[in-house]
């Protein structure tokens, strides 16, 4: 499915998978468990933000 590289966006394939198979509740649950903001998670999911050390483990 592709590697997650720090400083780069996720692949189009991973983005499509996340859009198809995650819900707003899933994103909220990850936020509650990890503290990574909902907006950051959504930016990464839409390929609008890069992967960082902090959000990589949540993906």
Protein backbone atom coordinates (compact mmCIF):
# COMPACT_ATOMS: atom_id res chain seq x y z
CA UNK A 1 0.00 0.00 0.00
CA UNK A 2 2.98 2.30 0.24
CA UNK A 3 5.40 3.57 2.83
CA UNK A 4 4.67 6.46 5.15
CA UNK A 5 7.58 8.89 4.80
CA UNK A 6 8.17 11.78 7.18
CA UNK A 7 7.82 15.13 5.41
CA UNK A 8 5.77 13.78 2.51
CA UNK A 9 2.08 13.30 1.86
CA UNK A 10 0.51 9.87 1.97
CA UNK A 11 0.06 8.09 -1.33
CA UNK A 12 -3.11 8.53 -3.36
CA UNK A 13 -3.87 4.87 -2.68
CA UNK A 14 -3.63 5.27 1.11
CA UNK A 15 -5.67 8.48 0.92
CA UNK A 16 -8.41 6.71 -1.02
CA UNK A 17 -8.42 3.82 1.46
CA UNK A 18 -8.71 6.19 4.44
CA UNK A 19 -11.50 8.20 2.79
CA UNK A 20 -13.45 5.05 1.97
CA UNK A 21 -13.02 3.18 5.23
CA UNK A 22 -12.78 5.74 8.05
CA UNK A 23 -15.60 7.73 9.56
CA UNK A 24 -15.69 11.00 11.44
CA UNK A 25 -16.07 8.90 14.60
CA UNK A 26 -12.89 6.99 13.75
CA UNK A 27 -11.01 10.29 13.43
CA UNK A 28 -12.49 11.52 16.74
CA UNK A 29 -11.45 8.27 18.43
CA UNK A 30 -7.86 8.61 17.19
CA UNK A 31 -7.85 12.21 18.43
CA UNK A 32 -9.08 11.15 21.87
CA UNK A 33 -6.51 8.36 22.13
CA UNK A 34 -3.48 10.23 20.79
CA UNK A 35 -4.06 13.96 21.11
CA UNK A 36 -3.34 14.56 17.41
CA UNK A 37 -5.87 17.15 16.28
CA UNK A 38 -8.84 16.21 14.13
CA UNK A 39 -7.83 18.85 11.59
CA UNK A 40 -4.30 17.42 11.29
CA UNK A 41 -5.66 13.92 10.80
CA UNK A 42 -8.08 15.15 8.14
CA UNK A 43 -5.37 17.19 6.37
CA UNK A 44 -3.13 14.13 6.16
CA UNK A 45 -6.04 11.95 5.02
CA UNK A 46 -6.81 14.40 2.19
CA UNK A 47 -3.10 14.72 1.27
CA UNK A 48 -3.15 18.41 2.26
CA UNK A 49 -0.61 17.89 5.03
CA UNK A 50 2.64 16.01 5.39
CA UNK A 51 3.39 13.08 7.64
CA UNK A 52 5.29 13.94 10.80
CA UNK A 53 6.76 11.86 13.60
CA UNK A 54 3.73 12.76 15.73
CA UNK A 55 1.02 11.76 13.28
CA UNK A 56 2.78 8.80 11.61
CA UNK A 57 2.05 6.37 14.43
CA UNK A 58 -1.63 7.31 14.39
CA UNK A 59 -1.94 6.47 10.72
